[in-house]
Amino acid sequence: MSRIALINIGMHGHVNPTLGFVKELTRRGHSVDFYSTPEFAEQIIRTGAHFVAYPSTIGHSSAEHAVAQADAAQRGVPPPAALSTTVRVLAEFATTLPVLVQELTARPPDLIIYDFVSMATMVVAKQLGIKTIKFFTTYASNEHYDLIRESFGKYDFPSPEEIARAQAMVDGVCAKAGCGPLSLLDAFTTVAADNLVFMPRGFQPHGETFDERFHFVGPCVRSVDPTEAIDLLPPGEGPVLIISLGSLYHEWTQFYLDCIRAFSGSKWRVVMSIGAKLDPASLGPIPANFTIKAHIPQVALLEVADLFISHGGMNSTMEALANGVPMVVIPQIEEQEITARRVDAMALGVYLPRTGFTSELIAQAVEDVAASAVIKANVLGMQAQVIAAGGSKGAADLIEARLGGAATQPSRRPGSRTLAHEDTTGG
């Protein structure tokens, strides 16, 4: 069978969406070299892939970046968004290009599947003449919708001088690695020949405008052991409520205290993730209808959940919709704000702003969502779209088709002025 290289980065929100279809590829007999950072090695190896450690740096400061963005948004000042992201993407490029040149030259695959953040992969694939498929772990972009404009359009973008300096740096890195040049303008305005998008078309803003180059396969949710969830559920017969702020932003003690106050002694059986940095003892006595852990098996729990309080990370949102679970979304950063508003506008749940958050507000929001027949019907409708999109099997089918045929040529996406495009949700 074929050898495939999957180039990812070191962030939960980027690695987790790919595990399901990688497992399907290895099940079908393909050899997959999965490039990421060491903290994901165990998860990757469980898919049957060969883990390859490489020095992806872009996720290292993501938690601090998310906190800074949330703080700036709350204070009404421009967040460290566009330029900070550009610097991090360029650092990722400079660090990973020499390694990818060496690794992929020594062990050339039949196909490269790469994260949309990885500019280095674009250079190496062109240098070696290897077919590629790009994947998006967040909203895709075309001439009708651009995530960076949507997220940060009201803030200043890098100046022409800053862009020129960035291009000079990229030119130097390419030359040192013995590779041809990369135009930053082309890198971020060109639509790849094939793009995997891990959401149903119906959830993508302006989804009807995306052509045949975009393959909306939906979330590739990996199979899990259901006992992981059952063992965590508090006793009783009440409905199950899952609470998680994702993998990047946990240090909001008042949020957890408000959730305990809102649902202590209620009908809800609550499983709440608080992250590794917060001491559960700081939350006081734990009610009998609560289970509180640093980390939780979210996919397994969503299979039995009735409602989900989430930060609106794309991975978490898609896992909820795949299981037909309505949401209360409390976003922490700009991109999650887009998702929260989209969930609210599509009546898949409700958006609850971080500002002014109280135990009374969250309790009322949960009751409103739980009681809404409209929300339940819409969530089930979106779940049907997720199933129809194909998931891991659909992604694997596309990949096998491309292994057997020639890819079409990429084309420039008109109307874009962005320099860097990155998801910082962390799932």
Protein backbone atom coordinates (compact mmCIF):
# COMPACT_ATOMS: atom_id res chain seq x y z
CA MET A 1 0.00 0.00 0.00
CA SER A 2 0.97 3.67 -0.03
CA ARG A 3 3.22 5.66 2.27
CA ILE A 4 1.63 8.87 3.52
CA ALA A 5 3.21 11.70 5.51
CA LEU A 6 0.89 13.74 7.72
CA ILE A 7 2.46 17.02 8.83
CA ASN A 8 0.75 18.46 11.90
CA ILE A 9 1.71 20.85 14.70
CA GLY A 10 1.82 20.56 18.47
CA MET A 11 -1.71 21.62 19.45
CA HIS A 12 -4.70 19.54 20.60
CA GLY A 13 -7.04 21.45 18.30
CA HIS A 14 -4.95 20.41 15.30
CA VAL A 15 -3.90 16.87 16.23
CA ASN A 16 -7.22 15.55 17.58
CA PRO A 17 -9.29 16.15 14.42
CA THR A 18 -6.86 14.05 12.36
CA LEU A 19 -6.60 10.96 14.56
CA GLY A 20 -9.82 9.37 13.32
CA PHE A 21 -8.99 9.33 9.62
CA VAL A 22 -5.36 8.37 10.27
CA LYS A 23 -6.61 5.31 12.13
CA GLU A 24 -8.87 4.53 9.16
CA LEU A 25 -5.94 4.83 6.76
CA THR A 26 -3.78 2.46 8.78
CA ARG A 27 -6.73 0.06 9.07
CA ARG A 28 -6.83 -0.01 5.28
CA GLY A 29 -3.17 -0.96 5.18
CA HIS A 30 -1.49 2.38 4.43
CA SER A 31 1.72 3.39 6.17
CA VAL A 32 1.38 6.81 7.80
CA ASP A 33 4.29 8.87 9.14
CA PHE A 34 2.64 11.33 11.55
CA TYR A 35 4.78 14.40 12.29
CA SER A 36 4.00 16.21 15.55
CA THR A 37 5.46 16.99 18.97
CA PRO A 38 6.26 14.39 21.65
CA GLU A 39 3.29 15.07 23.94
CA PHE A 40 1.02 13.56 21.27
CA ALA A 41 3.14 10.46 20.59
CA GLU A 42 0.98 8.03 22.57
CA GLN A 43 -2.28 9.12 20.91
CA ILE A 44 -0.69 8.97 17.48
CA ILE A 45 0.83 5.53 17.97
CA ARG A 46 -2.59 4.20 19.01
CA THR A 47 -3.88 5.01 15.52
CA GLY A 48 -1.35 2.62 14.01
CA ALA A 49 0.71 5.45 12.56
CA HIS A 50 4.47 5.86 12.88
CA PHE A 51 5.12 8.85 15.14
CA VAL A 52 7.84 11.22 13.93
CA ALA A 53 8.91 13.91 16.39
CA TYR A 54 9.82 17.22 14.81
CA PRO A 55 10.38 20.67 16.32
CA SER A 56 7.00 22.35 15.80
CA THR A 57 7.02 25.49 17.95
CA ILE A 58 3.75 27.22 17.15
CA GLY A 59 1.75 25.68 19.99
CA HIS A 60 4.21 26.46 22.76
CA SER A 61 2.86 29.91 23.62
CA SER A 62 -0.75 29.27 22.64
CA ALA A 63 -2.15 29.31 26.16
CA GLU A 64 -0.48 32.61 26.97
CA HIS A 65 -1.60 34.02 23.62
CA ALA A 66 -5.20 32.96 24.25
CA VAL A 67 -5.17 34.54 27.70
CA ALA A 68 -3.77 37.79 26.30
CA GLN A 69 -6.41 37.87 23.56
CA ALA A 70 -9.24 37.25 26.01
CA ASP A 71 -7.93 39.91 28.39
CA ALA A 72 -7.57 42.47 25.60
CA ALA A 73 -11.05 41.74 24.26
CA GLN A 74 -12.53 42.20 27.73
CA ARG A 75 -10.75 45.55 28.12
CA GLY A 76 -11.83 46.69 24.65
CA VAL A 77 -8.32 47.12 23.25
CA PRO A 78 -6.71 45.55 20.17
CA PRO A 79 -5.42 42.06 21.04
CA PRO A 80 -1.94 40.78 20.09
CA ALA A 81 -3.42 39.00 17.10
CA ALA A 82 -2.26 39.49 13.51
CA LEU A 83 1.40 40.40 14.01
CA SER A 84 1.87 37.95 16.87
CA THR A 85 0.39 35.18 14.75
CA THR A 86 2.63 36.14 11.84
CA VAL A 87 5.73 36.00 14.01
CA ARG A 88 4.75 32.57 15.33
CA VAL A 89 3.99 31.19 11.85
CA LEU A 90 7.34 32.46 10.56
CA ALA A 91 9.16 30.95 13.53
CA GLU A 92 7.43 27.64 12.81
CA PHE A 93 8.55 27.87 9.18
CA ALA A 94 12.18 28.61 10.03
CA THR A 95 12.35 25.83 12.62
CA THR A 96 10.62 23.06 10.71
CA LEU A 97 11.75 23.56 7.10
CA PRO A 98 15.30 22.12 7.48
CA VAL A 99 13.96 19.11 9.40
CA LEU A 100 11.19 18.39 6.89
CA VAL A 101 13.62 18.69 3.98
CA GLN A 102 15.90 16.12 5.59
CA GLU A 103 13.13 13.74 6.72
CA LEU A 104 10.99 13.79 3.57
CA THR A 105 14.02 13.52 1.28
CA ALA A 106 15.27 10.48 3.18
CA ARG A 107 11.82 8.91 3.42
CA PRO A 108 9.76 10.28 0.52
CA PRO A 109 6.00 9.56 0.77
CA ASP A 110 3.52 9.03 -2.03
CA LEU A 111 1.35 11.82 -0.62
CA ILE A 112 1.68 14.57 1.97
CA ILE A 113 -1.32 15.68 4.02
CA TYR A 114 -0.53 18.91 5.83
CA ASP A 115 -1.92 21.39 8.32
CA PHE A 116 -2.85 24.73 6.75
CA VAL A 117 -0.41 26.44 9.15
CA SER A 118 2.61 24.58 7.74
CA MET A 119 4.20 26.76 5.07
CA ALA A 120 7.32 24.59 5.25
CA THR A 121 5.41 21.63 3.85
CA MET A 122 4.41 23.65 0.80
CA VAL A 123 8.06 24.34 0.03
CA VAL A 124 9.27 20.78 0.55
CA ALA A 125 6.43 19.18 -1.41
CA LYS A 126 7.11 21.45 -4.38
CA GLN A 127 10.85 20.80 -4.14
CA LEU A 128 10.36 17.01 -4.14
CA GLY A 129 7.41 16.93 -6.55
CA ILE A 130 5.06 15.18 -4.09
CA LYS A 131 1.27 15.49 -4.27
CA THR A 132 -0.40 17.18 -1.32
CA ILE A 133 -3.73 17.61 0.46
CA LYS A 134 -4.17 20.55 2.84
CA PHE A 135 -6.42 20.24 5.89
CA PHE A 136 -8.27 22.89 7.89
CA THR A 137 -9.01 22.33 11.56
CA THR A 138 -11.11 25.50 11.61
CA TYR A 139 -13.15 27.46 9.06
CA ALA A 140 -11.87 27.30 5.50
CA SER A 141 -11.28 30.49 3.51
CA ASN A 142 -12.04 31.52 -0.04
CA GLU A 143 -12.85 34.79 -1.82
CA HIS A 144 -16.18 35.01 0.02
CA TYR A 145 -15.04 34.19 3.56
CA ASP A 146 -11.74 34.81 5.31
CA LEU A 147 -11.33 33.80 8.95
CA ILE A 148 -8.63 36.34 9.75
CA ARG A 149 -10.67 39.21 8.33
CA GLU A 150 -13.70 37.96 10.21
CA SER A 151 -11.76 37.60 13.46
CA PHE A 152 -9.45 40.58 13.41
CA GLY A 153 -10.52 42.79 10.50
CA LYS A 154 -11.10 45.75 12.78
CA TYR A 155 -7.47 45.68 13.93
CA ASP A 156 -4.30 46.68 12.12
CA PHE A 157 -2.53 44.13 9.94
CA PRO A 158 1.25 44.01 9.48
CA SER A 159 2.58 46.99 7.55
CA PRO A 160 4.16 46.64 4.09
CA GLU A 161 7.56 47.08 5.74
CA GLU A 162 6.86 44.24 8.18
CA ILE A 163 5.68 42.02 5.33
CA ALA A 164 8.81 42.82 3.33
CA ARG A 165 11.01 41.87 6.30
CA ALA A 166 9.06 38.63 6.70
CA GLN A 167 9.53 37.81 3.00
CA ALA A 168 13.26 38.44 3.28
CA MET A 169 13.46 36.09 6.25
CA VAL A 170 11.57 33.38 4.35
CA ASP A 171 13.86 33.81 1.34
CA GLY A 172 16.90 33.34 3.58
CA VAL A 173 15.49 30.21 5.24
CA CYS A 174 14.63 28.67 1.87
CA ALA A 175 18.06 29.40 0.42
CA LYS A 176 19.85 27.95 3.45
CA ALA A 177 17.76 24.76 3.20
CA GLY A 178 18.56 24.45 -0.51
CA CYS A 179 14.96 25.00 -1.55
CA GLY A 180 13.28 27.22 -4.09
CA PRO A 181 11.64 30.44 -2.93
CA LEU A 182 8.21 30.81 -1.34
CA SER A 183 6.07 33.87 -1.94
CA LEU A 184 4.19 34.76 1.25
CA LEU A 185 1.46 36.33 -0.86
CA ASP A 186 1.03 33.07 -2.77
CA ALA A 187 1.23 31.01 0.42
CA PHE A 188 -1.77 32.73 1.94
CA THR A 189 -3.86 33.62 -1.11
CA THR A 190 -3.62 30.41 -3.11
CA VAL A 191 -6.35 27.80 -2.83
CA ALA A 192 -4.86 24.30 -2.80
CA ALA A 193 -6.07 21.70 -5.27
CA ASP A 194 -7.56 19.60 -2.44
CA ASN A 195 -8.62 20.81 0.98
CA LEU A 196 -10.00 18.65 3.78
CA VAL A 197 -12.35 20.57 6.10
CA PHE A 198 -13.43 18.87 9.32
CA MET A 199 -16.96 20.24 9.50
CA PRO A 200 -20.13 19.76 7.47
CA ARG A 201 -20.65 22.32 4.71
CA GLY A 202 -23.76 23.59 6.52
CA PHE A 203 -21.68 24.88 9.43
CA GLN A 204 -19.11 26.68 7.26
CA PRO A 205 -19.98 30.37 6.78
CA HIS A 206 -20.89 30.92 3.11
CA GLY A 207 -20.50 27.18 2.66
CA GLU A 208 -22.36 27.22 -0.64
CA THR A 209 -19.58 29.32 -2.21
CA PHE A 210 -16.84 26.71 -1.72
CA ASP A 211 -16.15 24.72 -4.88
CA GLU A 212 -15.08 21.13 -5.57
CA ARG A 213 -11.58 21.74 -4.22
CA PHE A 214 -13.02 21.83 -0.70
CA HIS A 215 -14.07 18.51 0.80
CA PHE A 216 -16.29 19.03 3.85
CA VAL A 217 -15.92 15.61 5.41
CA GLY A 218 -17.13 16.67 8.84
CA PRO A 219 -15.45 15.74 12.13
CA CYS A 220 -13.37 12.57 12.05
CA VAL A 221 -14.34 11.57 15.57
CA ARG A 222 -12.24 8.67 16.79
CA SER A 223 -13.83 5.61 18.37
CA VAL A 224 -13.61 5.44 22.17
CA ASP A 225 -14.23 3.03 25.01
CA PRO A 226 -17.67 3.94 26.46
CA THR A 227 -16.63 2.77 29.93
CA GLU A 228 -14.34 5.83 30.10
CA ALA A 229 -17.49 7.91 30.47
CA ILE A 230 -19.64 5.60 32.56
CA ASP A 231 -17.04 5.38 35.31
CA LEU A 232 -16.99 9.19 35.66
CA LEU A 233 -20.73 9.85 35.85
CA PRO A 234 -22.08 10.83 39.26
CA PRO A 235 -24.71 8.42 40.61
CA GLY A 236 -28.38 8.87 39.78
CA GLU A 237 -30.67 8.99 36.79
CA GLY A 238 -30.59 12.72 35.97
CA PRO A 239 -29.45 14.26 32.67
CA VAL A 240 -25.71 14.56 32.02
CA LEU A 241 -24.02 17.96 31.74
CA ILE A 242 -20.41 18.21 30.53
CA ILE A 243 -18.38 21.35 31.30
CA SER A 244 -15.02 22.06 29.65
CA LEU A 245 -13.12 25.14 28.52
CA GLY A 246 -10.85 23.15 26.22
CA SER A 247 -7.12 22.51 26.26
CA LEU A 248 -5.74 26.06 26.36
CA TYR A 249 -7.61 28.15 28.92
CA HIS A 250 -8.33 26.67 32.33
CA GLU A 251 -7.35 29.35 34.84
CA TRP A 252 -10.80 30.86 35.41
CA THR A 253 -11.52 29.84 38.98
CA GLN A 254 -14.63 31.99 39.30
CA PHE A 255 -16.22 30.22 36.32
CA TYR A 256 -15.90 26.85 38.02
CA LEU A 257 -17.20 28.24 41.32
CA ASP A 258 -20.19 29.72 39.50
CA CYS A 259 -20.90 26.39 37.78
CA ILE A 260 -20.79 24.58 41.12
CA ARG A 261 -23.13 27.18 42.61
CA ALA A 262 -25.47 26.95 39.60
CA PHE A 263 -25.84 23.16 39.51
CA SER A 264 -25.08 21.92 43.01
CA GLY A 265 -27.95 19.67 44.15
CA SER A 266 -29.75 20.10 40.83
CA LYS A 267 -31.14 17.36 38.57
CA TRP A 268 -27.96 17.55 36.46
CA ARG A 269 -25.16 15.00 36.79
CA VAL A 270 -22.14 17.17 36.07
CA VAL A 271 -18.70 16.14 34.83
CA MET A 272 -16.37 19.17 34.78
CA SER A 273 -12.81 19.55 33.50
CA ILE A 274 -10.71 22.22 35.24
CA GLY A 275 -7.22 21.68 33.77
CA ALA A 276 -4.03 20.59 35.46
CA LYS A 277 -3.01 23.96 36.90
CA LEU A 278 -6.02 24.47 39.18
CA ASP A 279 -6.18 22.71 42.56
CA PRO A 280 -9.66 21.15 43.04
CA ALA A 281 -9.37 21.97 46.74
CA SER A 282 -9.58 25.66 45.85
CA LEU A 283 -13.17 25.07 44.73
CA GLY A 284 -14.34 24.00 48.18
CA PRO A 285 -16.57 20.98 48.90
CA ILE A 286 -17.52 19.06 45.76
CA PRO A 287 -21.29 18.41 45.47
CA ALA A 288 -22.46 14.79 45.19
CA ASN A 289 -23.82 15.38 41.69
CA PHE A 290 -20.39 16.58 40.41
CA THR A 291 -17.28 14.81 39.13
CA ILE A 292 -14.34 17.20 38.77
CA LYS A 293 -11.13 16.19 37.00
CA ALA A 294 -8.10 17.92 35.51
CA HIS A 295 -8.86 16.28 32.16
CA ILE A 296 -11.83 14.26 30.95
CA PRO A 297 -12.44 11.80 28.07
CA GLN A 298 -14.59 14.33 26.24
CA VAL A 299 -15.50 12.23 23.20
CA ALA A 300 -16.72 9.34 25.36
CA LEU A 301 -18.66 11.68 27.65
CA LEU A 302 -20.37 13.47 24.77
CA GLU A 303 -21.75 10.13 23.63
CA VAL A 304 -23.85 10.04 26.81
CA ALA A 305 -24.29 13.79 27.42
CA ASP A 306 -27.52 15.77 27.28
CA LEU A 307 -25.90 19.21 27.20
CA PHE A 308 -22.41 20.70 26.86
CA ILE A 309 -21.02 23.94 28.32
CA SER A 310 -18.04 24.72 26.09
CA HIS A 311 -15.56 27.42 25.09
CA GLY A 312 -16.49 26.97 21.44
CA GLY A 313 -13.28 25.39 20.18
CA MET A 314 -13.95 23.91 16.76
CA ASN A 315 -12.97 20.39 17.78
CA SER A 316 -15.27 20.46 20.82
CA THR A 317 -18.11 21.99 18.80
CA MET A 318 -17.89 19.34 16.11
CA GLU A 319 -17.69 16.51 18.65
CA ALA A 320 -20.86 17.84 20.29
CA LEU A 321 -22.73 18.11 16.99
CA ALA A 322 -21.56 14.65 15.93
CA ASN A 323 -23.27 13.30 19.04
CA GLY A 324 -26.38 15.47 18.79
CA VAL A 325 -25.57 17.45 21.95
CA PRO A 326 -26.80 21.08 22.26
CA MET A 327 -24.44 23.68 23.69
CA VAL A 328 -24.00 26.73 25.85
CA VAL A 329 -20.90 28.42 24.43
CA ILE A 330 -18.73 30.81 26.44
CA PRO A 331 -15.92 31.87 24.08
CA GLN A 332 -12.46 32.90 25.27
CA ILE A 333 -10.90 34.29 22.07
CA GLU A 334 -12.05 35.86 18.79
CA GLU A 335 -12.32 32.69 16.72
CA GLN A 336 -14.39 30.99 19.40
CA GLU A 337 -16.59 34.10 19.44
CA ILE A 338 -17.39 33.45 15.77
CA THR A 339 -18.35 29.87 16.59
CA ALA A 340 -20.41 30.93 19.59
CA ARG A 341 -22.38 33.42 17.51
CA ARG A 342 -22.82 30.84 14.76
CA VAL A 343 -24.15 28.25 17.23
CA ASP A 344 -26.56 30.86 18.56
CA ALA A 345 -27.69 32.10 15.12
CA MET A 346 -28.28 28.55 13.87
CA ALA A 347 -30.17 27.69 17.10
CA LEU A 348 -27.80 24.86 17.97
CA GLY A 349 -27.40 26.28 21.47
CA VAL A 350 -26.86 29.70 22.99
CA TYR A 351 -23.97 32.13 23.19
CA LEU A 352 -23.16 33.40 26.66
CA PRO A 353 -20.53 36.19 26.84
CA ARG A 354 -17.70 35.92 29.31
CA THR A 355 -18.28 39.49 30.45
CA GLY A 356 -20.84 39.66 33.22
CA PHE A 357 -20.92 35.89 33.66
CA THR A 358 -22.79 34.71 36.79
CA SER A 359 -24.12 31.46 38.22
CA GLU A 360 -27.66 32.67 37.61
CA LEU A 361 -26.96 33.33 33.93
CA ILE A 362 -25.41 29.93 33.29
CA ALA A 363 -28.18 28.11 35.15
CA GLN A 364 -30.84 29.91 33.12
CA ALA A 365 -28.99 29.34 29.83
CA VAL A 366 -28.76 25.61 30.49
CA GLU A 367 -32.46 25.37 31.32
CA ASP A 368 -33.40 27.39 28.22
CA VAL A 369 -31.34 25.14 25.94
CA ALA A 370 -32.56 21.95 27.57
CA ALA A 371 -36.21 23.03 27.21
CA SER A 372 -35.97 24.17 23.57
CA ALA A 373 -37.53 21.80 21.04
CA VAL A 374 -36.22 24.04 18.24
CA ILE A 375 -32.62 23.72 19.40
CA LYS A 376 -32.95 19.97 19.82
CA ALA A 377 -34.39 19.58 16.31
CA ASN A 378 -31.68 21.77 14.77
CA VAL A 379 -28.90 19.90 16.56
CA LEU A 380 -30.27 16.58 15.31
CA GLY A 381 -30.44 18.05 11.80
CA MET A 382 -26.81 19.12 11.99
CA GLN A 383 -25.89 15.70 13.37
CA ALA A 384 -27.46 14.20 10.23
CA GLN A 385 -25.29 16.51 8.11
CA VAL A 386 -22.23 15.36 10.04
CA ILE A 387 -23.06 11.72 9.36
CA ALA A 388 -23.73 12.41 5.68
CA ALA A 389 -20.42 14.25 5.27
CA GLY A 390 -18.52 10.98 5.61
CA GLY A 391 -16.11 11.58 8.50
CA SER A 392 -13.03 9.37 8.70
CA LYS A 393 -14.19 7.01 5.95
CA GLY A 394 -14.99 9.91 3.63
CA ALA A 395 -11.58 11.48 4.26
CA ALA A 396 -9.82 8.16 3.67
CA ASP A 397 -11.78 7.61 0.44
CA LEU A 398 -10.66 11.01 -0.87
CA ILE A 399 -7.05 10.35 0.10
CA GLU A 400 -7.06 6.98 -1.66
CA ALA A 401 -8.57 8.57 -4.76
CA ARG A 402 -5.79 11.16 -4.85
CA LEU A 403 -3.16 8.50 -4.39
CA GLY A 404 -4.44 6.92 -7.57
CA GLY A 405 -4.71 10.04 -9.71
CA ALA A 406 -3.02 13.33 -10.49
CA ALA A 407 -3.99 16.41 -8.54
CA THR A 408 -5.21 19.53 -10.32
CA GLN A 409 -3.23 22.74 -10.16
CA PRO A 410 -3.84 25.14 -7.29
CA SER A 411 -5.21 28.61 -8.06
CA ARG A 412 -4.93 32.03 -6.45
CA ARG A 413 -7.76 33.04 -4.14
CA PRO A 414 -8.66 36.60 -5.11
CA GLY A 415 -9.32 39.40 -2.71
CA SER A 416 -7.19 38.24 0.24
CA ARG A 417 -4.80 40.55 2.04
CA THR A 418 -3.90 38.32 4.99
CA LEU A 419 -0.37 37.26 5.75
CA ALA A 420 -0.96 34.52 8.29
CA HIS A 421 -3.85 32.27 9.14
CA GLU A 422 -3.92 30.21 12.28
CA ASP A 423 -6.38 28.50 14.59
CA THR A 424 -5.63 29.13 18.25
CA THR A 425 -8.59 27.41 19.77
CA GLY A 426 -6.82 24.28 20.90
CA GLY A 427 -10.01 22.33 20.44
